[in-house]
Amino acid sequence: YSNVVPQLVRQGVDNVFGNAADAWSAVNNVLQGKFEPGVRNVFRVVTNSVFGVLGIFDPATDLGLERAPEDFGQTLGHWGVGPGAYVVWPLLGPSTVRESFALPLDRAASPALLINDGTAVWGITVLQVVNTRANLLGASRVLDDIALDKYTFVRDAYLQRRRSLVYDGDEPPVPEPAEPPAPGNAPALPVKP
């Protein structure tokens, strides 16, 4: 794909999938109570759909409407769902239990959602997977060069990145410790006779 398809066409494909992702990000921003980024993503989708020829071009970025990417896994994390165990899915790559539950909804939010023809849906889905994998080839090469234990490196990097995305780069809130009982209200210990 990377060797055969011209860069301009691959960029257009990226932009179309990015436009669909922006629409889904708007929904997830609103679900998390982040209304300003949600509205900005709506403006991005409208601008790119109208002036960017159905999202093939990205004039919204040139106009200063930056992406505010969010997915349903981040929304679940925002509302307190823990990440669960680290999982590596064949063909899909690293994930957690939380992101695995969110994955079907996140994958459904694509241009294929607008098409009712089963063959076209499969074609768009395959194109999305191939395009995503082609975009990650450079990262795979870097990983081969720097990591001694690739599994541990990818696991730790993935978990740190997801945590950062859920908390928008901030540290998660520290739970308040339980207050000890007041001195006069301590439960009495049983006395042995």
C-alpha atoms as a PDB file:
ATOM      1  CA  TYR A   1       0.000   0.000   0.000  1.00  0.00           C
ATOM      2  CA  SER A   2       2.733   2.475   0.984  1.00  0.00           C
ATOM      3  CA  ASN A   3       4.818   1.606  -2.078  1.00  0.00           C
ATOM      4  CA  VAL A   4       1.983   1.562  -4.627  1.00  0.00           C
ATOM      5  CA  VAL A   5      -0.469   4.277  -3.563  1.00  0.00           C
ATOM      6  CA  PRO A   6       0.780   7.869  -4.019  1.00  0.00           C
ATOM      7  CA  GLN A   7       1.271   9.947  -0.863  1.00  0.00           C
ATOM      8  CA  LEU A   8      -1.394  12.467  -1.930  1.00  0.00           C
ATOM      9  CA  VAL A   9      -4.021   9.694  -2.203  1.00  0.00           C
ATOM     10  CA  ARG A  10      -2.970   8.161   1.141  1.00  0.00           C
ATOM     11  CA  GLN A  11      -3.260  11.616   2.752  1.00  0.00           C
ATOM     12  CA  GLY A  12      -6.775  11.964   1.327  1.00  0.00           C
ATOM     13  CA  VAL A  13      -7.716   8.549   2.754  1.00  0.00           C
ATOM     14  CA  ASP A  14      -6.243   9.595   6.139  1.00  0.00           C
ATOM     15  CA  ASN A  15      -8.275  12.796   6.021  1.00  0.00           C
ATOM     16  CA  VAL A  16     -11.560  10.981   5.275  1.00  0.00           C
ATOM     17  CA  PHE A  17     -11.045   8.561   8.172  1.00  0.00           C
ATOM     18  CA  GLY A  18      -9.893  11.469  10.356  1.00  0.00           C
ATOM     19  CA  ASN A  19     -13.074  13.386   9.520  1.00  0.00           C
ATOM     20  CA  ALA A  20     -15.215  10.436  10.664  1.00  0.00           C
ATOM     21  CA  ALA A  21     -13.045  10.149  13.792  1.00  0.00           C
ATOM     22  CA  ASP A  22     -13.613  13.848  14.506  1.00  0.00           C
ATOM     23  CA  ALA A  23     -17.389  13.286  14.468  1.00  0.00           C
ATOM     24  CA  TRP A  24     -17.016  10.406  16.954  1.00  0.00           C
ATOM     25  CA  SER A  25     -14.607  12.511  19.035  1.00  0.00           C
ATOM     26  CA  ALA A  26     -17.251  15.241  19.244  1.00  0.00           C
ATOM     27  CA  VAL A  27     -19.710  12.725  20.703  1.00  0.00           C
ATOM     28  CA  ASN A  28     -17.141  11.454  23.222  1.00  0.00           C
ATOM     29  CA  ASN A  29     -16.093  14.987  24.215  1.00  0.00           C
ATOM     30  CA  VAL A  30     -19.721  15.833  24.995  1.00  0.00           C
ATOM     31  CA  LEU A  31     -20.173  12.555  26.913  1.00  0.00           C
ATOM     32  CA  GLN A  32     -17.193  13.596  29.061  1.00  0.00           C
ATOM     33  CA  GLY A  33     -18.575  17.097  29.631  1.00  0.00           C
ATOM     34  CA  LYS A  34     -15.916  18.727  27.433  1.00  0.00           C
ATOM     35  CA  PHE A  35     -18.266  20.933  25.444  1.00  0.00           C
ATOM     36  CA  GLU A  36     -15.773  23.383  23.901  1.00  0.00           C
ATOM     37  CA  PRO A  37     -13.632  20.634  22.295  1.00  0.00           C
ATOM     38  CA  GLY A  38     -16.838  18.854  21.241  1.00  0.00           C
ATOM     39  CA  VAL A  39     -18.140  21.940  19.454  1.00  0.00           C
ATOM     40  CA  ARG A  40     -14.723  22.499  17.866  1.00  0.00           C
ATOM     41  CA  ASN A  41     -14.796  18.938  16.488  1.00  0.00           C
ATOM     42  CA  VAL A  42     -18.292  19.529  15.080  1.00  0.00           C
ATOM     43  CA  PHE A  43     -17.002  22.649  13.303  1.00  0.00           C
ATOM     44  CA  ARG A  44     -14.050  20.600  11.997  1.00  0.00           C
ATOM     45  CA  VAL A  45     -16.373  17.954  10.555  1.00  0.00           C
ATOM     46  CA  VAL A  46     -18.670  20.509   8.921  1.00  0.00           C
ATOM     47  CA  THR A  47     -15.766  22.528   7.516  1.00  0.00           C
ATOM     48  CA  ASN A  48     -13.922  19.480   6.165  1.00  0.00           C
ATOM     49  CA  SER A  49     -17.095  17.874   4.809  1.00  0.00           C
ATOM     50  CA  VAL A  50     -18.233  21.009   2.952  1.00  0.00           C
ATOM     51  CA  PHE A  51     -15.008  22.783   1.961  1.00  0.00           C
ATOM     52  CA  GLY A  52     -12.751  19.727   2.065  1.00  0.00           C
ATOM     53  CA  VAL A  53     -14.806  17.697  -0.454  1.00  0.00           C
ATOM     54  CA  LEU A  54     -16.345  15.188   1.986  1.00  0.00           C
ATOM     55  CA  GLY A  55     -13.229  15.240   4.140  1.00  0.00           C
ATOM     56  CA  ILE A  56     -10.634  14.433   1.471  1.00  0.00           C
ATOM     57  CA  PHE A  57      -8.907  17.725   2.282  1.00  0.00           C
ATOM     58  CA  ASP A  58      -8.396  19.252   5.737  1.00  0.00           C
ATOM     59  CA  PRO A  59      -9.043  23.015   5.560  1.00  0.00           C
ATOM     60  CA  ALA A  60     -10.175  23.037   9.208  1.00  0.00           C
ATOM     61  CA  THR A  61      -6.584  22.660  10.423  1.00  0.00           C
ATOM     62  CA  ASP A  62      -5.502  25.566   8.227  1.00  0.00           C
ATOM     63  CA  LEU A  63      -8.291  27.642   9.810  1.00  0.00           C
ATOM     64  CA  GLY A  64      -6.962  26.868  13.309  1.00  0.00           C
ATOM     65  CA  LEU A  65      -9.601  24.306  14.294  1.00  0.00           C
ATOM     66  CA  GLU A  66      -7.345  21.777  15.996  1.00  0.00           C
ATOM     67  CA  ARG A  67      -8.445  18.200  16.652  1.00  0.00           C
ATOM     68  CA  ALA A  68      -9.577  17.182  20.124  1.00  0.00           C
ATOM     69  CA  PRO A  69      -9.439  13.394  19.725  1.00  0.00           C
ATOM     70  CA  GLU A  70     -11.374  11.233  22.184  1.00  0.00           C
ATOM     71  CA  ASP A  71     -12.616   7.665  21.932  1.00  0.00           C
ATOM     72  CA  PHE A  72     -15.144   5.626  23.878  1.00  0.00           C
ATOM     73  CA  GLY A  73     -12.397   3.938  25.936  1.00  0.00           C
ATOM     74  CA  GLN A  74     -11.350   7.395  27.163  1.00  0.00           C
ATOM     75  CA  THR A  75     -14.991   8.202  27.929  1.00  0.00           C
ATOM     76  CA  LEU A  76     -15.326   5.046  30.014  1.00  0.00           C
ATOM     77  CA  GLY A  77     -12.067   5.927  31.803  1.00  0.00           C
ATOM     78  CA  HIS A  78     -13.306   9.459  32.434  1.00  0.00           C
ATOM     79  CA  TRP A  79     -16.336   8.029  34.234  1.00  0.00           C
ATOM     80  CA  GLY A  80     -14.222   5.792  36.455  1.00  0.00           C
ATOM     81  CA  VAL A  81     -14.027   2.487  34.580  1.00  0.00           C
ATOM     82  CA  GLY A  82     -10.578   1.026  35.272  1.00  0.00           C
ATOM     83  CA  PRO A  83      -8.389  -0.162  32.410  1.00  0.00           C
ATOM     84  CA  GLY A  84      -8.288  -3.821  33.444  1.00  0.00           C
ATOM     85  CA  ALA A  85      -5.710  -6.243  32.141  1.00  0.00           C
ATOM     86  CA  TYR A  86      -3.400  -5.524  29.224  1.00  0.00           C
ATOM     87  CA  VAL A  87      -4.444  -7.467  26.107  1.00  0.00           C
ATOM     88  CA  VAL A  88      -2.851  -7.879  22.676  1.00  0.00           C
ATOM     89  CA  TRP A  89      -5.413  -8.667  19.979  1.00  0.00           C
ATOM     90  CA  PRO A  90      -4.338 -10.349  16.732  1.00  0.00           C
ATOM     91  CA  LEU A  91      -4.292  -7.777  13.900  1.00  0.00           C
ATOM     92  CA  LEU A  92      -5.605  -5.041  16.216  1.00  0.00           C
ATOM     93  CA  GLY A  93      -2.617  -4.792  18.536  1.00  0.00           C
ATOM     94  CA  PRO A  94      -2.368  -3.637  22.152  1.00  0.00           C
ATOM     95  CA  SER A  95      -5.433  -2.881  24.221  1.00  0.00           C
ATOM     96  CA  THR A  96      -6.886  -3.200  27.703  1.00  0.00           C
ATOM     97  CA  VAL A  97     -10.125  -4.799  28.808  1.00  0.00           C
ATOM     98  CA  ARG A  98     -11.778  -1.343  28.918  1.00  0.00           C
ATOM     99  CA  GLU A  99     -10.618  -0.432  25.416  1.00  0.00           C
ATOM    100  CA  SER A 100     -11.619  -3.892  24.174  1.00  0.00           C
ATOM    101  CA  PHE A 101     -15.218  -3.247  25.251  1.00  0.00           C
ATOM    102  CA  ALA A 102     -15.104   0.183  23.602  1.00  0.00           C
ATOM    103  CA  LEU A 103     -13.471  -1.083  20.395  1.00  0.00           C
ATOM    104  CA  PRO A 104     -16.656  -2.173  18.560  1.00  0.00           C
ATOM    105  CA  LEU A 105     -18.183   1.297  18.977  1.00  0.00           C
ATOM    106  CA  ASP A 106     -14.934   3.049  18.058  1.00  0.00           C
ATOM    107  CA  ARG A 107     -14.527   0.885  14.927  1.00  0.00           C
ATOM    108  CA  ALA A 108     -18.161   1.409  13.927  1.00  0.00           C
ATOM    109  CA  ALA A 109     -17.574   5.176  13.784  1.00  0.00           C
ATOM    110  CA  SER A 110     -16.131   5.178  10.282  1.00  0.00           C
ATOM    111  CA  PRO A 111     -17.299   6.207   6.807  1.00  0.00           C
ATOM    112  CA  ALA A 112     -18.627   2.642   6.462  1.00  0.00           C
ATOM    113  CA  LEU A 113     -21.376   3.601   8.920  1.00  0.00           C
ATOM    114  CA  LEU A 114     -23.046   5.675   6.179  1.00  0.00           C
ATOM    115  CA  ILE A 115     -23.179   2.811   3.659  1.00  0.00           C
ATOM    116  CA  ASN A 116     -25.686  -0.046   3.675  1.00  0.00           C
ATOM    117  CA  ASP A 117     -23.945  -2.216   1.066  1.00  0.00           C
ATOM    118  CA  GLY A 118     -22.176  -5.113   2.849  1.00  0.00           C
ATOM    119  CA  THR A 119     -19.386  -5.411   0.270  1.00  0.00           C
ATOM    120  CA  ALA A 120     -18.595  -1.699   0.431  1.00  0.00           C
ATOM    121  CA  VAL A 121     -18.573  -1.786   4.235  1.00  0.00           C
ATOM    122  CA  TRP A 122     -16.027  -4.605   4.203  1.00  0.00           C
ATOM    123  CA  GLY A 123     -13.933  -2.767   1.611  1.00  0.00           C
ATOM    124  CA  ILE A 124     -13.880   0.435   3.652  1.00  0.00           C
ATOM    125  CA  THR A 125     -13.054  -1.509   6.823  1.00  0.00           C
ATOM    126  CA  VAL A 126     -10.160  -3.322   5.121  1.00  0.00           C
ATOM    127  CA  LEU A 127      -8.898  -0.023   3.705  1.00  0.00           C
ATOM    128  CA  GLN A 128      -9.044   1.520   7.176  1.00  0.00           C
ATOM    129  CA  VAL A 129      -7.036  -1.334   8.721  1.00  0.00           C
ATOM    130  CA  VAL A 130      -4.451  -1.328   5.895  1.00  0.00           C
ATOM    131  CA  ASN A 131      -4.126   2.459   6.037  1.00  0.00           C
ATOM    132  CA  THR A 132      -3.671   2.422   9.819  1.00  0.00           C
ATOM    133  CA  ARG A 133      -1.044  -0.310   9.600  1.00  0.00           C
ATOM    134  CA  ALA A 134       0.815   1.526   6.814  1.00  0.00           C
ATOM    135  CA  ASN A 135       0.907   4.654   8.975  1.00  0.00           C
ATOM    136  CA  LEU A 136       2.474   2.659  11.811  1.00  0.00           C
ATOM    137  CA  LEU A 137       5.294   1.112   9.750  1.00  0.00           C
ATOM    138  CA  GLY A 138       7.724   3.856  10.743  1.00  0.00           C
ATOM    139  CA  ALA A 139       6.975   3.292  14.422  1.00  0.00           C
ATOM    140  CA  SER A 140       7.594  -0.450  13.967  1.00  0.00           C
ATOM    141  CA  ARG A 141      11.024   0.253  12.511  1.00  0.00           C
ATOM    142  CA  VAL A 142      11.926   2.572  15.403  1.00  0.00           C
ATOM    143  CA  LEU A 143      10.716  -0.048  17.879  1.00  0.00           C
ATOM    144  CA  ASP A 144      12.921  -2.693  16.254  1.00  0.00           C
ATOM    145  CA  ASP A 145      15.928  -0.409  16.658  1.00  0.00           C
ATOM    146  CA  ILE A 146      15.503   0.734  20.280  1.00  0.00           C
ATOM    147  CA  ALA A 147      13.692  -1.912  22.289  1.00  0.00           C
ATOM    148  CA  LEU A 148      15.456  -4.904  23.793  1.00  0.00           C
ATOM    149  CA  ASP A 149      12.212  -6.397  25.126  1.00  0.00           C
ATOM    150  CA  LYS A 150       9.577  -5.261  22.630  1.00  0.00           C
ATOM    151  CA  TYR A 151       6.595  -6.696  24.515  1.00  0.00           C
ATOM    152  CA  THR A 152       7.435  -4.888  27.762  1.00  0.00           C
ATOM    153  CA  PHE A 153       8.302  -1.673  25.926  1.00  0.00           C
ATOM    154  CA  VAL A 154       5.030  -1.636  23.949  1.00  0.00           C
ATOM    155  CA  ARG A 155       2.952  -2.631  27.002  1.00  0.00           C
ATOM    156  CA  ASP A 156       4.403   0.090  29.224  1.00  0.00           C
ATOM    157  CA  ALA A 157       4.248   2.744  26.509  1.00  0.00           C
ATOM    158  CA  TYR A 158       0.661   1.832  25.620  1.00  0.00           C
ATOM    159  CA  LEU A 159      -0.574   1.864  29.225  1.00  0.00           C
ATOM    160  CA  GLN A 160       1.172   5.186  29.955  1.00  0.00           C
ATOM    161  CA  ARG A 161      -0.237   6.776  26.804  1.00  0.00           C
ATOM    162  CA  ARG A 162      -3.798   5.595  27.489  1.00  0.00           C
ATOM    163  CA  ARG A 163      -3.586   6.843  31.085  1.00  0.00           C
ATOM    164  CA  SER A 164      -2.352  10.208  29.838  1.00  0.00           C
ATOM    165  CA  LEU A 165      -5.177  10.381  27.276  1.00  0.00           C
ATOM    166  CA  VAL A 166      -7.870   9.519  29.827  1.00  0.00           C
ATOM    167  CA  TYR A 167      -6.655  12.227  32.224  1.00  0.00           C
ATOM    168  CA  ASP A 168      -5.767  14.745  29.469  1.00  0.00           C
ATOM    169  CA  GLY A 169      -2.091  14.677  30.444  1.00  0.00           C
ATOM    170  CA  ASP A 170      -2.777  15.418  34.115  1.00  0.00           C
ATOM    171  CA  GLU A 171      -2.160  13.121  37.044  1.00  0.00           C
ATOM    172  CA  PRO A 172      -5.231  11.128  38.077  1.00  0.00           C
ATOM    173  CA  PRO A 173      -6.952  12.335  41.228  1.00  0.00           C
ATOM    174  CA  VAL A 174      -5.627  10.766  44.404  1.00  0.00           C
ATOM    175  CA  PRO A 175      -8.393   9.112  46.443  1.00  0.00           C
ATOM    176  CA  GLU A 176      -8.933  10.607  49.850  1.00  0.00           C
ATOM    177  CA  PRO A 177      -7.802   8.310  52.679  1.00  0.00           C
ATOM    178  CA  ALA A 178     -10.529   7.018  54.968  1.00  0.00           C
ATOM    179  CA  GLU A 179     -10.765   8.993  58.177  1.00  0.00           C
ATOM    180  CA  PRO A 180      -9.881   7.047  61.319  1.00  0.00           C
ATOM    181  CA  PRO A 181     -12.607   6.915  63.952  1.00  0.00           C
ATOM    182  CA  ALA A 182     -12.569   9.715  66.519  1.00  0.00           C
ATOM    183  CA  PRO A 183     -10.709   8.789  69.775  1.00  0.00           C
ATOM    184  CA  GLY A 184     -13.862   8.558  71.867  1.00  0.00           C
ATOM    185  CA  ASN A 185     -15.789   6.658  69.184  1.00  0.00           C
ATOM    186  CA  ALA A 186     -13.344   3.794  68.608  1.00  0.00           C
ATOM    187  CA  PRO A 187     -15.012   0.409  68.739  1.00  0.00           C
ATOM    188  CA  ALA A 188     -14.303  -1.482  71.934  1.00  0.00           C
ATOM    189  CA  LEU A 189     -12.042  -4.485  71.654  1.00  0.00           C
ATOM    190  CA  PRO A 190     -13.363  -7.669  73.187  1.00  0.00           C
ATOM    191  CA  VAL A 191     -11.756  -8.521  76.538  1.00  0.00           C
ATOM    192  CA  LYS A 192     -10.817 -12.122  77.185  1.00  0.00           C
ATOM    193  CA  PRO A 193     -11.783 -13.411  80.650  1.00  0.00           C
END
